[in-house]
Protein backbone atom coordinates (compact mmCIF):
# COMPACT_ATOMS: atom_id res chain seq x y z
CA ARG A 1 -18.03 -26.28 -12.57
CA GLN A 2 -14.95 -24.24 -13.20
CA ALA A 3 -12.44 -25.56 -11.09
CA ASP A 4 -9.06 -24.22 -12.64
CA TYR A 5 -6.70 -21.68 -10.85
CA PRO A 6 -4.70 -20.20 -13.56
CA TYR A 7 -1.86 -19.30 -10.65
CA TYR A 8 0.38 -21.05 -8.67
CA ASN A 9 0.49 -21.36 -5.58
CA THR A 10 -3.33 -22.60 -4.77
CA VAL A 11 -3.06 -21.16 -0.75
CA THR A 12 -5.98 -19.17 0.99
CA CYS A 13 -4.47 -16.22 0.80
CA ALA A 14 -3.78 -15.61 -2.95
CA GLY A 15 -7.47 -17.73 -3.42
CA HIS A 16 -9.67 -15.52 -1.15
CA ALA A 17 -7.90 -13.12 -3.18
CA SER A 18 -8.29 -13.73 -6.43
CA MET A 19 -12.26 -14.60 -5.41
CA SER A 20 -12.64 -10.73 -4.22
CA THR A 21 -11.25 -8.75 -6.65
CA GLY A 22 -11.48 -11.50 -10.20
CA THR A 23 -7.64 -11.21 -9.98
CA VAL A 24 -4.83 -13.17 -10.23
CA PRO A 25 -1.81 -12.70 -7.80
CA ALA A 26 0.35 -11.10 -10.23
CA VAL A 27 -2.40 -8.18 -10.06
CA HIS A 28 -3.66 -8.67 -6.20
CA GLY A 29 -0.13 -9.32 -4.85
CA MET A 30 -1.59 -11.31 -2.65
CA VAL A 31 1.33 -13.88 -3.92
CA LEU A 32 1.02 -16.40 -0.54
CA ASN A 33 -0.14 -17.02 2.77
CA GLN A 34 3.38 -16.38 4.18
CA TRP A 35 6.32 -14.19 2.69
CA TRP A 36 9.37 -13.46 3.31
CA GLU A 37 10.25 -9.38 3.39
CA ARG A 38 13.50 -8.50 2.67
CA ASP A 39 13.52 -4.96 4.17
CA ASN A 40 13.08 -6.08 6.99
CA SER A 41 14.81 -9.81 7.10
CA ARG A 42 11.17 -11.52 8.85
CA LEU A 43 8.29 -13.51 7.89
CA VAL A 44 5.51 -11.90 7.20
CA SER A 45 1.92 -12.75 6.33
CA CYS A 46 0.26 -11.65 4.08
CA THR A 47 -2.28 -9.63 6.38
CA ASP A 48 -0.20 -8.53 8.88
CA ASP A 49 0.10 -4.95 9.89
CA ASP A 50 2.35 -2.92 12.46
CA ASP A 51 0.11 -0.23 12.42
CA GLN A 52 -2.78 -2.04 13.82
CA GLN A 53 -3.68 -3.94 16.84
CA LEU A 54 -6.70 -6.66 17.14
CA ILE A 55 -9.75 -6.11 19.24
CA THR A 56 -10.49 -8.29 21.11
CA TYR A 57 -14.21 -10.02 21.83
CA GLY A 58 -13.10 -11.79 24.90
CA ILE A 59 -9.87 -11.52 27.18
CA PRO A 60 -6.64 -9.22 25.78
CA VAL A 61 -4.55 -10.82 22.67
CA LYS A 62 -1.36 -10.55 22.25
CA GLY A 63 -1.11 -10.81 18.06
CA VAL A 64 0.22 -8.16 15.42
CA GLY A 65 -2.81 -6.18 14.16
CA HIS A 66 -4.23 -7.21 10.93
CA SER A 67 -5.44 -4.75 7.40
CA ALA A 68 -5.95 -5.54 4.05
CA LYS A 69 -2.62 -3.08 3.02
CA ASN A 70 -1.22 -5.69 1.57
CA LEU A 71 -3.82 -5.92 -0.93
CA MET A 72 -2.60 -3.83 -4.01
CA THR A 73 -6.54 -3.79 -5.65
CA THR A 74 -9.98 -3.23 -4.77
CA THR A 75 -12.49 -5.85 -3.78
CA LEU A 76 -16.36 -6.91 -4.81
CA ALA A 77 -16.99 -4.85 -1.75
CA ASP A 78 -15.01 -2.16 -2.78
CA GLU A 79 -16.52 -1.55 -6.03
CA MET A 80 -19.47 -1.65 -4.81
CA ARG A 81 -19.35 0.53 -2.18
CA LEU A 82 -17.66 2.31 -4.57
CA GLN A 83 -19.99 2.58 -7.36
CA GLY A 84 -23.07 2.08 -5.90
CA PRO A 85 -25.97 4.87 -5.57
CA VAL A 86 -26.62 4.12 -2.01
CA THR A 87 -23.64 3.00 0.65
CA PRO A 88 -23.63 -0.77 1.43
CA ARG A 89 -23.37 -2.56 5.00
CA VAL A 90 -20.58 -5.31 4.69
CA VAL A 91 -19.50 -8.07 6.42
CA SER A 92 -16.76 -10.80 6.20
CA ILE A 93 -16.38 -14.26 9.09
CA SER A 94 -13.98 -17.09 8.38
CA LEU A 95 -11.60 -18.21 11.34
CA LYS A 96 -8.72 -17.09 9.96
CA ALA A 97 -7.55 -13.08 9.37
CA ARG A 98 -6.60 -13.60 5.31
CA SER A 99 -9.95 -15.44 4.34
CA ALA A 100 -12.13 -13.12 6.24
CA ILE A 101 -9.68 -9.73 5.17
CA ASN A 102 -9.72 -10.24 1.87
CA LEU A 103 -13.22 -11.06 1.52
CA GLY A 104 -14.03 -7.98 3.33
CA GLY A 105 -11.69 -5.77 1.37
CA HIS A 106 -10.41 -2.62 2.21
CA ARG A 107 -13.39 -0.79 4.12
CA PRO A 108 -15.94 -3.32 5.00
CA ASP A 109 -18.43 -2.37 7.80
CA ALA A 110 -17.49 -5.83 10.26
CA VAL A 111 -14.93 -8.63 9.69
CA ILE A 112 -13.75 -11.31 12.08
CA TRP A 113 -11.72 -13.88 12.73
CA LEU A 114 -10.65 -16.42 15.60
CA ASP A 115 -7.34 -15.40 17.24
CA GLU A 116 -5.73 -18.62 17.37
CA ALA A 117 -3.12 -18.05 19.71
CA ASP A 118 -4.99 -16.87 22.14
CA GLY A 119 -9.10 -19.02 21.36
CA GLU A 120 -10.29 -15.22 21.57
CA TRP A 121 -13.01 -13.95 18.42
CA VAL A 122 -10.92 -10.43 17.40
CA THR A 123 -11.46 -7.80 14.64
CA SER A 124 -8.27 -4.96 14.13
CA THR A 125 -8.33 -1.07 14.41
CA ALA A 126 -8.16 -1.03 10.89
CA PHE A 127 -12.29 -1.98 10.62
CA ALA A 128 -13.18 -0.87 14.02
CA ALA A 129 -12.80 1.03 17.16
CA THR A 130 -14.44 -1.19 18.69
CA THR A 131 -15.90 -4.19 18.53
CA ALA A 132 -19.65 -4.99 16.44
CA PRO A 133 -22.28 -5.83 19.09
CA TYR A 134 -24.60 -8.18 17.09
CA PHE A 135 -21.08 -10.80 17.07
CA ALA A 136 -20.38 -9.57 21.18
CA ASP A 137 -24.49 -11.08 21.88
CA TYR A 138 -24.11 -14.31 19.85
CA ILE A 139 -20.53 -14.89 21.22
CA ALA A 140 -21.66 -14.21 24.56
CA GLU A 141 -24.78 -16.64 24.64
CA HIS A 142 -22.24 -19.17 22.74
CA PRO A 143 -18.89 -19.50 24.47
CA LEU A 144 -16.28 -21.28 22.67
CA ARG A 145 -15.33 -23.57 26.10
CA ASN A 146 -19.29 -24.93 25.50
CA GLU A 147 -17.39 -26.54 22.25
CA MET A 148 -15.02 -28.40 24.17
CA GLY A 149 -15.24 -32.09 24.89
CA ARG A 150 -18.01 -32.33 21.40
CA VAL A 151 -17.82 -35.34 19.25
CA TRP A 152 -17.79 -35.51 15.69
CA ASP A 153 -19.46 -39.06 14.46
CA ARG A 154 -20.69 -39.67 10.75
CA ALA A 155 -23.63 -38.03 9.72
CA LEU A 156 -25.05 -41.19 7.39
CA PRO A 157 -23.92 -44.66 8.11
CA LYS A 158 -20.66 -45.68 7.07
CA ASP A 159 -21.42 -47.36 3.94
CA ARG A 160 -23.19 -43.82 2.50
CA TYR A 161 -18.82 -43.13 1.57
CA LEU A 162 -16.85 -42.80 -0.33
CA TYR A 163 -13.49 -44.99 0.03
CA ASP A 164 -13.00 -47.31 3.03
CA GLY A 165 -11.98 -44.51 5.38
CA SER A 166 -8.65 -46.11 6.48
CA THR A 167 -6.86 -43.79 8.80
CA LYS A 168 -3.45 -45.54 7.17
CA ASP A 169 -1.21 -42.70 5.53
CA ARG A 170 -2.31 -40.24 8.59
CA GLN A 171 0.16 -37.73 9.56
CA LYS A 172 -0.17 -35.93 13.15
CA THR A 173 -4.07 -34.00 13.09
CA ALA A 174 -4.69 -31.43 15.00
CA LEU A 175 -8.51 -33.87 16.88
CA ILE A 176 -6.49 -36.10 19.44
CA THR A 177 -8.86 -38.91 17.54
CA ARG A 178 -8.14 -40.56 14.71
CA ASP A 179 -10.83 -42.26 13.74
CA PHE A 180 -15.13 -41.85 14.65
CA PRO A 181 -15.60 -40.91 16.68
CA HIS A 182 -13.64 -37.27 17.32
CA ILE A 183 -13.54 -35.74 20.62
CA VAL A 184 -13.12 -32.20 20.14
CA LYS A 185 -9.95 -31.09 22.71
CA GLY A 186 -6.93 -30.20 22.65
CA ASP A 187 -4.04 -32.02 25.45
CA GLY A 188 -5.72 -29.53 28.03
CA THR A 189 -7.74 -26.74 29.27
CA GLU A 190 -7.65 -24.34 27.83
CA VAL A 191 -9.57 -22.72 25.23
CA ALA A 192 -6.88 -21.61 22.60
CA GLY A 193 -3.92 -23.71 21.07
CA ALA A 194 -4.35 -27.15 20.31
CA PHE A 195 -8.08 -26.82 21.38
CA THR A 196 -8.92 -24.31 19.19
CA ASP A 197 -6.46 -25.96 16.62
CA ALA A 198 -9.16 -29.05 17.10
CA TRP A 199 -12.31 -27.25 17.08
CA GLU A 200 -11.46 -25.90 14.19
CA SER A 201 -10.66 -29.75 11.72
CA SER A 202 -14.20 -29.76 12.88
CA PRO A 203 -17.54 -29.08 11.43
CA HIS A 204 -18.27 -27.37 14.27
CA SER A 205 -16.77 -24.12 13.03
CA ASP A 206 -18.47 -24.33 10.39
CA ALA A 207 -21.97 -24.20 12.35
CA TYR A 208 -20.42 -21.77 14.55
CA LEU A 209 -19.78 -19.38 11.33
CA ALA A 210 -23.15 -19.72 10.34
CA GLY A 211 -24.28 -18.68 13.52
CA LEU A 212 -22.11 -16.01 13.39
CA ALA A 213 -23.59 -15.13 10.12
CA GLY A 214 -27.08 -14.93 11.44
CA ALA A 215 -26.39 -12.63 13.88
CA ALA A 216 -25.36 -10.28 11.62
CA LEU A 217 -28.19 -10.83 9.40
CA ASP A 218 -30.76 -9.60 12.08
CA GLY A 219 -27.90 -7.51 13.66
CA LEU A 220 -27.61 -5.08 10.45
CA LYS A 221 -31.13 -6.32 9.05
CA LEU A 222 -28.78 -6.84 5.74
CA GLY A 223 -30.84 -7.60 2.46
CA ARG A 224 -33.12 -5.50 4.31
CA GLY A 225 -32.21 -1.67 3.33
CA PRO A 226 -31.93 0.39 0.15
CA GLY A 227 -28.88 -0.21 -0.67
CA VAL A 228 -27.57 -3.84 -1.77
CA ASP A 229 -25.34 -5.48 1.44
CA TYR A 230 -22.62 -7.83 1.38
CA LEU A 231 -21.91 -10.76 3.22
CA GLY A 232 -18.66 -13.10 2.65
CA ILE A 233 -18.27 -16.22 4.86
CA SER A 234 -15.15 -18.05 4.18
CA PHE A 235 -16.33 -21.75 5.46
CA SER A 236 -13.01 -22.97 6.86
CA ALA A 237 -13.27 -26.91 8.41
CA LEU A 238 -13.05 -28.31 5.02
CA ASP A 239 -9.30 -26.55 4.48
CA LYS A 240 -7.91 -28.02 7.87
CA VAL A 241 -9.98 -30.89 7.63
CA GLY A 242 -8.10 -31.93 4.18
CA HIS A 243 -4.94 -30.61 5.31
CA ASP A 244 -5.87 -33.23 8.84
CA PHE A 245 -7.07 -36.45 6.71
CA GLY A 246 -6.63 -35.87 3.10
CA GLN A 247 -8.59 -36.24 0.08
CA ASP A 248 -11.05 -39.34 0.35
CA SER A 249 -10.99 -39.53 3.82
CA HIS A 250 -15.25 -39.64 5.36
CA GLU A 251 -13.94 -36.72 7.40
CA VAL A 252 -13.72 -34.68 3.86
CA GLN A 253 -16.80 -35.93 3.08
CA ASP A 254 -18.52 -35.53 6.19
CA VAL A 255 -17.49 -32.14 6.82
CA MET A 256 -18.91 -31.64 3.32
CA ILE A 257 -22.60 -32.72 4.49
CA HIS A 258 -22.49 -30.63 7.27
CA LEU A 259 -21.86 -28.17 5.61
CA ASP A 260 -24.74 -28.59 2.95
CA GLN A 261 -27.05 -28.96 6.05
CA GLU A 262 -26.16 -24.83 7.45
CA LEU A 263 -25.29 -23.60 4.20
CA GLY A 264 -29.71 -24.63 4.18
CA THR A 265 -30.28 -23.96 7.00
CA LEU A 266 -28.64 -20.02 6.00
CA LEU A 267 -30.29 -19.68 2.36
CA ASP A 268 -33.70 -20.92 4.49
CA LYS A 269 -33.60 -18.34 6.27
CA LEU A 270 -32.55 -15.57 3.66
CA ASP A 271 -35.90 -16.74 2.13
CA ARG A 272 -38.01 -16.13 5.51
CA GLU A 273 -36.43 -12.74 6.06
CA VAL A 274 -35.28 -11.21 2.75
CA GLY A 275 -37.22 -12.79 0.25
CA LYS A 276 -36.82 -15.42 -2.75
CA GLY A 277 -35.49 -13.95 -5.88
CA ASN A 278 -34.12 -10.60 -3.56
CA TYR A 279 -30.28 -11.89 -2.64
CA VAL A 280 -27.44 -12.86 -4.77
CA LEU A 281 -25.88 -16.89 -4.01
CA GLY A 282 -22.32 -17.50 -5.35
CA LEU A 283 -20.47 -20.39 -4.72
CA THR A 284 -17.05 -20.48 -5.12
CA ALA A 285 -13.33 -22.64 -3.08
CA ASP A 286 -10.04 -21.06 -2.39
CA HIS A 287 -8.61 -24.44 -3.59
CA GLY A 288 -9.16 -28.70 -3.66
CA VAL A 289 -7.28 -30.91 -1.63
CA ALA A 290 -4.51 -33.48 -2.81
CA PRO A 291 -5.00 -37.15 -2.89
CA THR A 292 -2.32 -37.81 -0.17
CA PRO A 293 1.15 -38.63 -1.64
CA GLU A 294 1.55 -41.85 -0.34
CA ARG A 295 -1.32 -43.45 -1.40
CA VAL A 296 -0.39 -42.65 -4.71
CA LYS A 297 2.56 -43.97 -4.29
CA ALA A 298 1.47 -47.19 -2.39
CA MET A 299 -0.98 -47.32 -6.20
CA GLY A 300 2.28 -47.47 -8.25
CA PHE A 301 2.79 -43.93 -9.39
CA ASP A 302 4.96 -41.32 -8.94
CA ALA A 303 3.92 -39.68 -6.08
CA GLY A 304 6.36 -38.04 -3.00
CA ARG A 305 7.14 -35.06 -0.34
CA ILE A 306 9.53 -32.69 -0.90
CA ASN A 307 11.63 -31.52 1.97
CA THR A 308 12.32 -27.29 1.55
CA THR A 309 14.34 -27.39 4.18
CA ILE A 310 17.13 -29.67 3.20
CA ILE A 311 16.56 -28.21 -0.08
CA GLY A 312 17.54 -24.64 1.47
CA ARG A 313 20.96 -26.45 3.19
CA GLN A 314 21.89 -27.56 -0.22
CA ILE A 315 21.27 -24.44 -1.89
CA ASP A 316 23.37 -22.75 1.08
CA GLU A 317 26.57 -25.12 0.86
CA VAL A 318 26.22 -24.22 -2.92
CA LEU A 319 26.33 -20.63 -2.50
CA ALA A 320 29.22 -21.31 -0.14
CA ARG A 321 31.39 -22.67 -2.21
CA GLU A 322 30.69 -21.04 -5.19
CA LEU A 323 30.43 -17.04 -4.08
CA GLY A 324 32.66 -18.53 -1.13
CA PRO A 325 31.78 -18.18 2.98
CA GLY A 326 28.91 -16.17 4.24
CA SER A 327 25.12 -16.63 6.07
CA TYR A 328 23.70 -17.35 3.14
CA ARG A 329 20.12 -18.26 5.43
CA THR A 330 18.35 -19.29 1.82
CA ARG A 331 14.20 -20.10 2.26
CA VAL A 332 12.44 -22.29 0.11
CA ILE A 333 8.85 -21.03 0.91
CA TYR A 334 6.02 -23.62 -0.35
CA ASN A 335 7.64 -23.55 -4.27
CA ASP A 336 9.79 -19.60 -3.82
CA ILE A 337 12.58 -19.77 -3.07
CA TYR A 338 14.36 -16.23 -1.85
CA PHE A 339 17.93 -14.76 -1.28
CA ASN A 340 19.18 -12.70 0.81
CA ASP A 341 19.38 -9.09 -0.69
CA GLY A 342 22.75 -9.06 -2.73
CA VAL A 343 22.60 -13.13 -3.55
CA TYR A 344 20.79 -13.16 -6.60
CA VAL A 345 22.43 -10.16 -8.55
CA LYS A 346 25.51 -11.88 -7.77
CA LEU A 347 24.22 -15.06 -8.59
CA SER A 348 22.67 -13.49 -12.29
CA ARG A 349 26.24 -12.34 -12.95
CA ASN A 350 27.61 -15.48 -11.95
CA ALA A 351 26.85 -18.41 -14.38
CA ARG A 352 28.73 -21.09 -13.19
CA ALA A 353 27.15 -20.66 -9.59
CA MET A 354 23.88 -20.42 -10.56
CA ASP A 355 24.29 -23.13 -13.39
CA ALA A 356 24.98 -24.68 -9.89
CA VAL A 357 22.11 -23.26 -7.62
CA ILE A 358 19.61 -24.46 -10.32
CA ALA A 359 20.88 -27.84 -9.96
CA SER A 360 20.90 -28.76 -6.44
CA ILE A 361 17.04 -28.23 -6.75
CA LEU A 362 16.94 -30.86 -9.47
CA LYS A 363 18.86 -33.21 -8.34
CA THR A 364 15.84 -33.09 -5.39
CA GLN A 365 13.17 -35.68 -5.77
CA GLY A 366 10.20 -34.57 -7.15
CA VAL A 367 11.04 -31.58 -8.82
CA TRP A 368 10.44 -31.31 -12.41
CA ARG A 369 11.82 -27.80 -13.64
CA VAL A 370 13.39 -24.54 -11.63
CA TYR A 371 13.25 -20.98 -13.37
CA ARG A 372 14.58 -17.70 -12.46
CA LYS A 373 12.30 -14.49 -12.15
CA SER A 374 12.96 -12.96 -15.15
CA GLU A 375 12.32 -15.76 -16.84
CA LEU A 376 8.39 -16.21 -16.15
CA SER A 377 5.83 -15.15 -18.69
CA ALA A 378 2.60 -15.62 -18.92
CA ALA A 379 2.52 -16.58 -22.45
CA ASP A 380 5.17 -19.46 -21.92
CA PRO A 381 2.72 -22.26 -21.16
CA PHE A 382 5.67 -23.97 -18.80
CA THR A 383 5.86 -20.49 -16.43
CA ARG A 384 2.27 -19.19 -16.87
CA ALA A 385 0.82 -20.12 -13.40
CA SER A 386 4.12 -19.46 -12.18
CA ALA A 387 4.34 -15.79 -13.35
CA LEU A 388 0.60 -15.69 -12.31
CA SER A 389 1.56 -16.00 -8.82
CA HIS A 390 4.45 -13.77 -9.16
CA TYR A 391 4.35 -10.04 -7.42
CA ASP A 392 8.02 -8.66 -7.31
CA GLY A 393 9.80 -7.54 -3.41
CA ARG A 394 6.93 -9.81 -2.23
CA SER A 395 8.15 -13.19 -3.91
CA GLY A 396 10.98 -15.62 -4.39
CA ASP A 397 13.88 -14.96 -7.41
CA LEU A 398 13.55 -18.96 -8.04
CA LYS A 399 10.62 -20.46 -8.81
CA MET A 400 10.85 -24.00 -7.97
CA LEU A 401 8.15 -26.55 -9.85
CA GLY A 402 7.26 -29.89 -8.31
CA ARG A 403 6.16 -32.93 -9.99
CA SER A 404 2.51 -34.13 -10.11
CA TYR A 405 0.98 -35.72 -6.96
CA TRP A 406 4.73 -34.78 -5.21
CA ILE A 407 3.44 -31.72 -2.25
CA THR A 408 5.94 -29.59 0.48
CA SER A 409 3.79 -29.36 3.26
CA SER A 410 4.06 -32.07 6.05
CA SER A 411 0.00 -32.82 6.05
CA THR A 412 -1.29 -35.79 5.83
CA SER A 413 -2.63 -33.42 2.25
CA THR A 414 -2.44 -29.93 1.12
CA HIS A 415 -4.02 -28.38 -1.83
CA GLY A 416 -2.72 -28.78 -4.71
CA THR A 417 0.16 -30.56 -6.20
């Protein structure tokens, strides 16, 4: 019932880490899905780990390994393992590494996600030496190739849905169809890339995750041992469909209808096999879906899109003018502004240059305020959310706050404004 997120960046990695740890990004460190790693001058995903390798349930994959090493505190599952009288079995499942890993914590028994680039289910050497047999059996019996070309149509008559279901103002979507009935396929025959992107944007992917959950329940006999077990499932379709189709789309509503059915089937299984009253169910969300800016603007309200690429170029022009020529390459990731090493220190010592940089950002349409990281305070109502999203060394040097109903995403919609 509490739809309040106290921190600013309501992105997937930050949300799942906050849910599982009960803390905020300023504590658990998962500030963004990706951040700029200054030491190596590269963009890294929150669960990237060069010391680990992916373990595939199919053909070999090329991606980087993943782990929870960047998660700076313990999760509920970790505390169950640390404090419980009997060691729990811990399983976490999602389409995304950042979702599954943050739910499972540092020492899960099994964690699985989909490698989008290669279209294969994977885990990591951080969590296991090999694949889990119950997952392997389910995947072998339900190959993703069988999902290609499936149709997704409304589960209910059209007049049962809210809003008009207009396709106007939609940006590029993963599905090749813009309206119902949708055909779940990519631009070729490969079970990877474009296809997995499209499949994730349909309720069929949630059904598959529920199937994997059922396989884990059966394979490990979760909830039927001497201890308290943990099963974490992050159903990812709603996030993707929200990005592609927007808050008031029939697609978002239909995903929820299908998800309700999947949850009902899963709960029936738990009632039968674990027993009513023998399990605790928690339902929550790591973020919402923002109204589509174009539709808000058409209604006569202030709304739009903030172009972060242009902001980065404007800052570099100011830096060259105020500090002298150089390769600055300022990066704007969500609302975090990252300077190259040494630049922020120079700006901190040069008030005129700092003011000029901030002024260049503020003149961008849709930007409300800009704060230096040293100005962030959880006691200040204007900076509290940004302060709770800030983890030094991973967050940006400046924080850019957008106006209501302005987003930095090029997708139809995003998580929040």
